[in-house]
PDB file of all heavy atoms in Angstrom:
ATOM      1  N   GLU A   1     165.254 -97.190  93.565  1.00  0.00           N
ATOM      2  CA  GLU A   1     165.552 -97.700  94.906  1.00  0.00           C
ATOM      3  C   GLU A   1     167.026 -98.054  95.042  1.00  0.00           C
ATOM      4  O   GLU A   1     167.653 -97.772  96.067  1.00  0.00           O
ATOM      5  CB  GLU A   1     164.687 -98.918  95.201  1.00  0.00           C
ATOM      6  CG  GLU A   1     163.204 -98.618  95.350  1.00  0.00           C
ATOM      7  CD  GLU A   1     162.392 -99.896  95.542  1.00  0.00           C
ATOM      8  OE1 GLU A   1     163.003-100.957  95.826  1.00  0.00           O
ATOM      9  OE2 GLU A   1     161.159 -99.825  95.401  1.00  0.00           O
ATOM     10  N   ARG A   2     167.584 -98.668  93.999  1.00  0.00           N
ATOM     11  CA  ARG A   2     168.965 -99.135  94.063  1.00  0.00           C
ATOM     12  C   ARG A   2     169.954 -97.973  94.122  1.00  0.00           C
ATOM     13  O   ARG A   2     171.003 -98.074  94.762  1.00  0.00           O
ATOM     14  CB  ARG A   2     169.246-100.028  92.855  1.00  0.00           C
ATOM     15  CG  ARG A   2     170.547-100.804  92.945  1.00  0.00           C
ATOM     16  CD  ARG A   2     170.570-101.961  91.975  1.00  0.00           C
ATOM     17  NE  ARG A   2     170.417-101.538  90.596  1.00  0.00           N
ATOM     18  CZ  ARG A   2     169.358-101.823  89.826  1.00  0.00           C
ATOM     19  NH1 ARG A   2     168.351-102.534  90.329  1.00  0.00           N
ATOM     20  NH2 ARG A   2     169.299-101.418  88.577  1.00  0.00           N
ATOM     21  N   ASN A   3     169.630 -96.871  93.456  1.00  0.00           N
ATOM     22  CA  ASN A   3     170.571 -95.750  93.373  1.00  0.00           C
ATOM     23  C   ASN A   3     170.136 -94.534  94.183  1.00  0.00           C
ATOM     24  O   ASN A   3     170.665 -93.442  93.988  1.00  0.00           O
ATOM     25  CB  ASN A   3     170.745 -95.329  91.908  1.00  0.00           C
ATOM     26  CG  ASN A   3     171.323 -96.440  91.058  1.00  0.00           C
ATOM     27  OD1 ASN A   3     172.210 -97.164  91.498  1.00  0.00           O
ATOM     28  ND2 ASN A   3     170.816 -96.580  89.843  1.00  0.00           N
ATOM     29  N   ALA A   4     169.191 -94.705  95.096  1.00  0.00           N
ATOM     30  CA  ALA A   4     168.652 -93.568  95.844  1.00  0.00           C
ATOM     31  C   ALA A   4     169.737 -92.847  96.642  1.00  0.00           C
ATOM     32  O   ALA A   4     169.751 -91.611  96.713  1.00  0.00           O
ATOM     33  CB  ALA A   4     167.536 -94.036  96.778  1.00  0.00           C
ATOM     34  N   GLY A   5     170.664 -93.591  97.242  1.00  0.00           N
ATOM     35  CA  GLY A   5     171.729 -92.963  98.020  1.00  0.00           C
ATOM     36  C   GLY A   5     172.616 -92.066  97.165  1.00  0.00           C
ATOM     37  O   GLY A   5     173.001 -90.964  97.588  1.00  0.00           O
ATOM     38  N   GLY A   6     172.923 -92.522  95.959  1.00  0.00           N
ATOM     39  CA  GLY A   6     173.736 -91.708  95.055  1.00  0.00           C
ATOM     40  C   GLY A   6     173.017 -90.444  94.618  1.00  0.00           C
ATOM     41  O   GLY A   6     173.621 -89.363  94.565  1.00  0.00           O
ATOM     42  N   TYR A   7     171.715 -90.558  94.331  1.00  0.00           N
ATOM     43  CA  TYR A   7     170.961 -89.384  93.919  1.00  0.00           C
ATOM     44  C   TYR A   7     170.868 -88.369  95.056  1.00  0.00           C
ATOM     45  O   TYR A   7     170.941 -87.151  94.820  1.00  0.00           O
ATOM     46  CB  TYR A   7     169.553 -89.787  93.478  1.00  0.00           C
ATOM     47  CG  TYR A   7     169.533 -90.754  92.321  1.00  0.00           C
ATOM     48  CD1 TYR A   7     168.520 -91.700  92.186  1.00  0.00           C
ATOM     49  CD2 TYR A   7     170.527 -90.726  91.345  1.00  0.00           C
ATOM     50  CE1 TYR A   7     168.498 -92.592  91.135  1.00  0.00           C
ATOM     51  CE2 TYR A   7     170.513 -91.606  90.284  1.00  0.00           C
ATOM     52  CZ  TYR A   7     169.503 -92.552  90.190  1.00  0.00           C
ATOM     53  OH  TYR A   7     169.482 -93.440  89.143  1.00  0.00           O
ATOM     54  N   LEU A   8     170.703 -88.845  96.277  1.00  0.00           N
ATOM     55  CA  LEU A   8     170.647 -87.946  97.425  1.00  0.00           C
ATOM     56  C   LEU A   8     171.929 -87.131  97.545  1.00  0.00           C
ATOM     57  O   LEU A   8     171.892 -85.898  97.692  1.00  0.00           O
ATOM     58  CB  LEU A   8     170.406 -88.746  98.707  1.00  0.00           C
ATOM     59  CG  LEU A   8     170.502 -87.945 100.011  1.00  0.00           C
ATOM     60  CD1 LEU A   8     169.362 -86.946 100.118  1.00  0.00           C
ATOM     61  CD2 LEU A   8     170.507 -88.877 101.223  1.00  0.00           C
ATOM     62  N   TRP A   9     173.072 -87.792  97.443  1.00  0.00           N
ATOM     63  CA  TRP A   9     174.339 -87.080  97.636  1.00  0.00           C
ATOM     64  C   TRP A   9     174.713 -86.222  96.441  1.00  0.00           C
ATOM     65  O   TRP A   9     175.413 -85.218  96.588  1.00  0.00           O
ATOM     66  CB  TRP A   9     175.449 -88.066  97.997  1.00  0.00           C
ATOM     67  CG  TRP A   9     175.333 -88.440  99.433  1.00  0.00           C
ATOM     68  CD1 TRP A   9     174.807 -89.593  99.960  1.00  0.00           C
ATOM     69  CD2 TRP A   9     175.693 -87.618 100.548  1.00  0.00           C
ATOM     70  NE1 TRP A   9     174.825 -89.541 101.328  1.00  0.00           N
ATOM     71  CE2 TRP A   9     175.360 -88.352 101.713  1.00  0.00           C
ATOM     72  CE3 TRP A   9     176.262 -86.358 100.675  1.00  0.00           C
ATOM     73  CZ2 TRP A   9     175.581 -87.844 102.995  1.00  0.00           C
ATOM     74  CZ3 TRP A   9     176.483 -85.848 101.943  1.00  0.00           C
ATOM     75  CH2 TRP A   9     176.151 -86.584 103.086  1.00  0.00           C
ATOM     76  N   LEU A  10     174.258 -86.583  95.253  1.00  0.00           N
ATOM     77  CA  LEU A  10     174.467 -85.678  94.113  1.00  0.00           C
ATOM     78  C   LEU A  10     173.668 -84.392  94.304  1.00  0.00           C
ATOM     79  O   LEU A  10     174.164 -83.296  94.000  1.00  0.00           O
ATOM     80  CB  LEU A  10     174.054 -86.374  92.817  1.00  0.00           C
ATOM     81  CG  LEU A  10     175.054 -87.369  92.245  1.00  0.00           C
ATOM     82  CD1 LEU A  10     174.469 -88.067  91.022  1.00  0.00           C
ATOM     83  CD2 LEU A  10     176.372 -86.687  91.878  1.00  0.00           C
ATOM     84  N   ALA A  11     172.439 -84.517  94.814  1.00  0.00           N
ATOM     85  CA  ALA A  11     171.633 -83.317  95.079  1.00  0.00           C
ATOM     86  C   ALA A  11     172.302 -82.447  96.139  1.00  0.00           C
ATOM     87  O   ALA A  11     172.352 -81.214  96.008  1.00  0.00           O
ATOM     88  CB  ALA A  11     170.230 -83.727  95.527  1.00  0.00           C
ATOM     89  N   ILE A  12     172.840 -83.070  97.191  1.00  0.00           N
ATOM     90  CA  ILE A  12     173.527 -82.307  98.239  1.00  0.00           C
ATOM     91  C   ILE A  12     174.794 -81.662  97.691  1.00  0.00           C
ATOM     92  O   ILE A  12     175.117 -80.506  98.002  1.00  0.00           O
ATOM     93  CB  ILE A  12     173.846 -83.219  99.437  1.00  0.00           C
ATOM     94  CG1 ILE A  12     172.552 -83.697 100.099  1.00  0.00           C
ATOM     95  CG2 ILE A  12     174.712 -82.489 100.466  1.00  0.00           C
ATOM     96  CD1 ILE A  12     172.766 -84.743 101.183  1.00  0.00           C
ATOM     97  N   LEU A  13     175.538 -82.387  96.850  1.00  0.00           N
ATOM     98  CA  LEU A  13     176.770 -81.850  96.270  1.00  0.00           C
ATOM     99  C   LEU A  13     176.490 -80.632  95.407  1.00  0.00           C
ATOM    100  O   LEU A  13     177.169 -79.595  95.525  1.00  0.00           O
ATOM    101  CB  LEU A  13     177.471 -82.927  95.451  1.00  0.00           C
ATOM    102  CG  LEU A  13     178.738 -82.494  94.708  1.00  0.00           C
ATOM    103  CD1 LEU A  13     179.853 -82.127  95.687  1.00  0.00           C
ATOM    104  CD2 LEU A  13     179.214 -83.582  93.756  1.00  0.00           C
ATOM    105  N   PHE A  14     175.498 -80.730  94.524  1.00  0.00           N
ATOM    106  CA  PHE A  14     175.181 -79.597  93.657  1.00  0.00           C
ATOM    107  C   PHE A  14     174.712 -78.394  94.478  1.00  0.00           C
ATOM    108  O   PHE A  14     175.086 -77.249  94.187  1.00  0.00           O
ATOM    109  CB  PHE A  14     174.110 -79.989  92.642  1.00  0.00           C
ATOM    110  CG  PHE A  14     174.555 -81.033  91.654  1.00  0.00           C
ATOM    111  CD1 PHE A  14     173.640 -81.905  91.074  1.00  0.00           C
ATOM    112  CD2 PHE A  14     175.889 -81.161  91.308  1.00  0.00           C
ATOM    113  CE1 PHE A  14     174.060 -82.874  90.169  1.00  0.00           C
ATOM    114  CE2 PHE A  14     176.314 -82.124  90.404  1.00  0.00           C
ATOM    115  CZ  PHE A  14     175.394 -82.988  89.838  1.00  0.00           C
ATOM    116  N   ALA A  15     173.903 -78.655  95.497  1.00  0.00           N
ATOM    117  CA  ALA A  15     173.434 -77.559  96.344  1.00  0.00           C
ATOM    118  C   ALA A  15     174.568 -76.958  97.165  1.00  0.00           C
ATOM    119  O   ALA A  15     174.552 -75.760  97.483  1.00  0.00           O
ATOM    120  CB  ALA A  15     172.318 -78.055  97.266  1.00  0.00           C
ATOM    121  N   SER A  16     175.560 -77.778  97.523  1.00  0.00           N
ATOM    122  CA  SER A  16     176.667 -77.276  98.347  1.00  0.00           C
ATOM    123  C   SER A  16     177.456 -76.187  97.625  1.00  0.00           C
ATOM    124  O   SER A  16     178.032 -75.300  98.278  1.00  0.00           O
ATOM    125  CB  SER A  16     177.603 -78.425  98.739  1.00  0.00           C
ATOM    126  OG  SER A  16     178.369 -78.880  97.634  1.00  0.00           O
ATOM    127  N   VAL A  17     177.509 -76.232  96.296  1.00  0.00           N
ATOM    128  CA  VAL A  17     178.231 -75.198  95.546  1.00  0.00           C
ATOM    129  C   VAL A  17     177.582 -73.835  95.778  1.00  0.00           C
ATOM    130  O   VAL A  17     178.267 -72.820  95.976  1.00  0.00           O
ATOM    131  CB  VAL A  17     178.268 -75.550  94.048  1.00  0.00           C
ATOM    132  CG1 VAL A  17     178.936 -74.435  93.258  1.00  0.00           C
ATOM    133  CG2 VAL A  17     179.009 -76.855  93.830  1.00  0.00           C
ATOM    134  N   LEU A  18     176.242 -73.809  95.792  1.00  0.00           N
ATOM    135  CA  LEU A  18     175.550 -72.551  96.080  1.00  0.00           C
ATOM    136  C   LEU A  18     175.837 -72.087  97.496  1.00  0.00           C
ATOM    137  O   LEU A  18     176.104 -70.911  97.744  1.00  0.00           O
ATOM    138  CB  LEU A  18     174.036 -72.740  95.892  1.00  0.00           C
ATOM    139  CG  LEU A  18     173.540 -73.070  94.490  1.00  0.00           C
ATOM    140  CD1 LEU A  18     172.033 -73.291  94.520  1.00  0.00           C
ATOM    141  CD2 LEU A  18     173.888 -71.964  93.520  1.00  0.00           C
ATOM    142  N   SER A  19     175.780 -73.017  98.439  1.00  0.00           N
ATOM    143  CA  SER A  19     175.990 -72.677  99.842  1.00  0.00           C
ATOM    144  C   SER A  19     177.394 -72.162 100.089  1.00  0.00           C
ATOM    145  O   SER A  19     177.596 -71.122 100.747  1.00  0.00           O
ATOM    146  CB  SER A  19     175.721 -73.909 100.711  1.00  0.00           C
ATOM    147  OG  SER A  19     176.081 -73.682 102.051  1.00  0.00           O
ATOM    148  N   LEU A  20     178.394 -72.868  99.584  1.00  0.00           N
ATOM    149  CA  LEU A  20     179.784 -72.496  99.834  1.00  0.00           C
ATOM    150  C   LEU A  20     180.130 -71.163  99.181  1.00  0.00           C
ATOM    151  O   LEU A  20     180.836 -70.332  99.773  1.00  0.00           O
ATOM    152  CB  LEU A  20     180.711 -73.598  99.322  1.00  0.00           C
ATOM    153  CG  LEU A  20     180.604 -74.938 100.061  1.00  0.00           C
ATOM    154  CD1 LEU A  20     181.271 -76.042  99.252  1.00  0.00           C
ATOM    155  CD2 LEU A  20     181.221 -74.843 101.443  1.00  0.00           C
ATOM    156  N   GLY A  21     179.659 -70.950  97.967  1.00  0.00           N
ATOM    157  CA  GLY A  21     179.940 -69.693  97.288  1.00  0.00           C
ATOM    158  C   GLY A  21     179.327 -68.500  98.007  1.00  0.00           C
ATOM    159  O   GLY A  21     179.958 -67.453  98.161  1.00  0.00           O
ATOM    160  N   GLU A  22     178.084 -68.661  98.479  1.00  0.00           N
ATOM    161  CA  GLU A  22     177.414 -67.567  99.169  1.00  0.00           C
ATOM    162  C   GLU A  22     178.027 -67.275 100.526  1.00  0.00           C
ATOM    163  O   GLU A  22     177.936 -66.157 101.026  1.00  0.00           O
ATOM    164  CB  GLU A  22     175.925 -67.902  99.338  1.00  0.00           C
ATOM    165  CG  GLU A  22     175.102 -67.776  98.078  1.00  0.00           C
ATOM    166  CD  GLU A  22     175.094 -66.349  97.550  1.00  0.00           C
ATOM    167  OE1 GLU A  22     174.988 -65.405  98.353  1.00  0.00           O
ATOM    168  OE2 GLU A  22     175.232 -66.177  96.329  1.00  0.00           O
ATOM    169  N   SER A  23     178.650 -68.278 101.156  1.00  0.00           N
ATOM    170  CA  SER A  23     179.209 -68.062 102.494  1.00  0.00           C
ATOM    171  C   SER A  23     180.312 -67.021 102.489  1.00  0.00           C
ATOM    172  O   SER A  23     180.494 -66.300 103.478  1.00  0.00           O
ATOM    173  CB  SER A  23     179.741 -69.386 103.051  1.00  0.00           C
ATOM    174  OG  SER A  23     180.863 -69.840 102.326  1.00  0.00           O
ATOM    175  N   PHE A  24     181.051 -66.896 101.375  1.00  0.00           N
ATOM    176  CA  PHE A  24     182.097 -65.874 101.296  1.00  0.00           C
ATOM    177  C   PHE A  24     181.676 -64.659 100.486  1.00  0.00           C
ATOM    178  O   PHE A  24     182.351 -63.638 100.542  1.00  0.00           O
ATOM    179  CB  PHE A  24     183.378 -66.466 100.710  1.00  0.00           C
ATOM    180  CG  PHE A  24     184.239 -67.131 101.736  1.00  0.00           C
ATOM    181  CD1 PHE A  24     184.140 -68.489 101.951  1.00  0.00           C
ATOM    182  CD2 PHE A  24     185.120 -66.397 102.511  1.00  0.00           C
ATOM    183  CE1 PHE A  24     184.902 -69.114 102.919  1.00  0.00           C
ATOM    184  CE2 PHE A  24     185.899 -67.007 103.475  1.00  0.00           C
ATOM    185  CZ  PHE A  24     185.792 -68.373 103.682  1.00  0.00           C
ATOM    186  N   ARG A  25     180.575 -64.771  99.779  1.00  0.00           N
ATOM    187  CA  ARG A  25     180.088 -63.600  99.046  1.00  0.00           C
ATOM    188  C   ARG A  25     179.698 -62.485 100.025  1.00  0.00           C
ATOM    189  O   ARG A  25     179.924 -61.301  99.783  1.00  0.00           O
ATOM    190  CB  ARG A  25     178.892 -63.978  98.166  1.00  0.00           C
ATOM    191  CG  ARG A  25     178.539 -62.928  97.119  1.00  0.00           C
ATOM    192  CD  ARG A  25     177.271 -63.328  96.388  1.00  0.00           C
ATOM    193  NE  ARG A  25     177.395 -64.635  95.783  1.00  0.00           N
ATOM    194  CZ  ARG A  25     177.891 -64.856  94.569  1.00  0.00           C
ATOM    195  NH1 ARG A  25     178.347 -63.843  93.856  1.00  0.00           N
ATOM    196  NH2 ARG A  25     177.945 -66.077  94.091  1.00  0.00           N
ATOM    197  N   VAL A  26     179.106 -62.877 101.157  1.00  0.00           N
ATOM    198  CA  VAL A  26     178.730 -61.891 102.176  1.00  0.00           C
ATOM    199  C   VAL A  26     179.964 -61.187 102.726  1.00  0.00           C
ATOM    200  O   VAL A  26     179.964 -59.972 102.962  1.00  0.00           O
ATOM    201  CB  VAL A  26     177.949 -62.586 103.312  1.00  0.00           C
ATOM    202  CG1 VAL A  26     177.649 -61.611 104.438  1.00  0.00           C
ATOM    203  CG2 VAL A  26     176.657 -63.185 102.783  1.00  0.00           C
ATOM    204  N   GLU A  27     181.042 -61.960 102.940  1.00  0.00           N
ATOM    205  CA  GLU A  27     182.250 -61.385 103.543  1.00  0.00           C
ATOM    206  C   GLU A  27     183.013 -60.475 102.579  1.00  0.00           C
ATOM    207  O   GLU A  27     183.687 -59.533 103.017  1.00  0.00           O
ATOM    208  CB  GLU A  27     183.187 -62.508 104.014  1.00  0.00           C
ATOM    209  CG  GLU A  27     182.550 -63.479 104.990  1.00  0.00           C
ATOM    210  CD  GLU A  27     182.203 -62.823 106.318  1.00  0.00           C
ATOM    211  OE1 GLU A  27     182.663 -61.703 106.560  1.00  0.00           O
ATOM    212  OE2 GLU A  27     181.470 -63.430 107.105  1.00  0.00           O
ATOM    213  N   THR A  28     182.942 -60.760 101.284  1.00  0.00           N
ATOM    214  CA  THR A  28     183.691 -59.949 100.326  1.00  0.00           C
ATOM    215  C   THR A  28     182.994 -58.632 100.006  1.00  0.00           C
ATOM    216  O   THR A  28     183.633 -57.706  99.500  1.00  0.00           O
ATOM    217  CB  THR A  28     183.918 -60.732  99.020  1.00  0.00           C
ATOM    218  OG1 THR A  28     182.660 -61.223  98.526  1.00  0.00           O
ATOM    219  CG2 THR A  28     184.851 -61.908  99.259  1.00  0.00           C
ATOM    220  N   GLU A  29     181.698 -58.538 100.295  1.00  0.00           N
ATOM    221  CA  GLU A  29     180.994 -57.277 100.070  1.00  0.00           C
ATOM    222  C   GLU A  29     181.437 -56.241 101.097  1.00  0.00           C
ATOM    223  O   GLU A  29     181.513 -56.503 102.285  1.00  0.00           O
ATOM    224  CB  GLU A  29     179.479 -57.487 100.161  1.00  0.00           C
ATOM    225  CG  GLU A  29     178.919 -58.333  99.029  1.00  0.00           C
ATOM    226  CD  GLU A  29     177.436 -58.584  99.203  1.00  0.00           C
ATOM    227  OE1 GLU A  29     176.896 -58.182 100.253  1.00  0.00           O
ATOM    228  OE2 GLU A  29     176.831 -59.196  98.306  1.00  0.00           O
ATOM    229  N   ASN A  30     181.737 -55.047 100.635  1.00  0.00           N
ATOM    230  CA  ASN A  30     182.148 -53.925 101.488  1.00  0.00           C
ATOM    231  C   ASN A  30     183.385 -54.253 102.324  1.00  0.00           C
ATOM    232  O   ASN A  30     183.566 -53.715 103.424  1.00  0.00           O
ATOM    233  CB  ASN A  30     181.006 -53.506 102.419  1.00  0.00           C
ATOM    234  CG  ASN A  30     179.773 -53.058 101.644  1.00  0.00           C
ATOM    235  OD1 ASN A  30     179.893 -52.364 100.633  1.00  0.00           O
ATOM    236  ND2 ASN A  30     178.610 -53.470 102.097  1.00  0.00           N
ATOM    237  N   ALA A  31     184.227 -55.170 101.826  1.00  0.00           N
ATOM    238  CA  ALA A  31     185.498 -55.512 102.490  1.00  0.00           C
ATOM    239  C   ALA A  31     185.298 -56.004 103.922  1.00  0.00           C
ATOM    240  O   ALA A  31     186.118 -55.740 104.808  1.00  0.00           O
ATOM    241  CB  ALA A  31     186.443 -54.331 102.468  1.00  0.00           C
TER     242      ALA A  31
END
């Protein structure tokens, strides 16, 4: 309960790496 906010944002941060990387992977394919 005390650290729930930190765990939430760590989960979002780790997931954001997948999201951000994929956002430009589509653009780099086929130039």
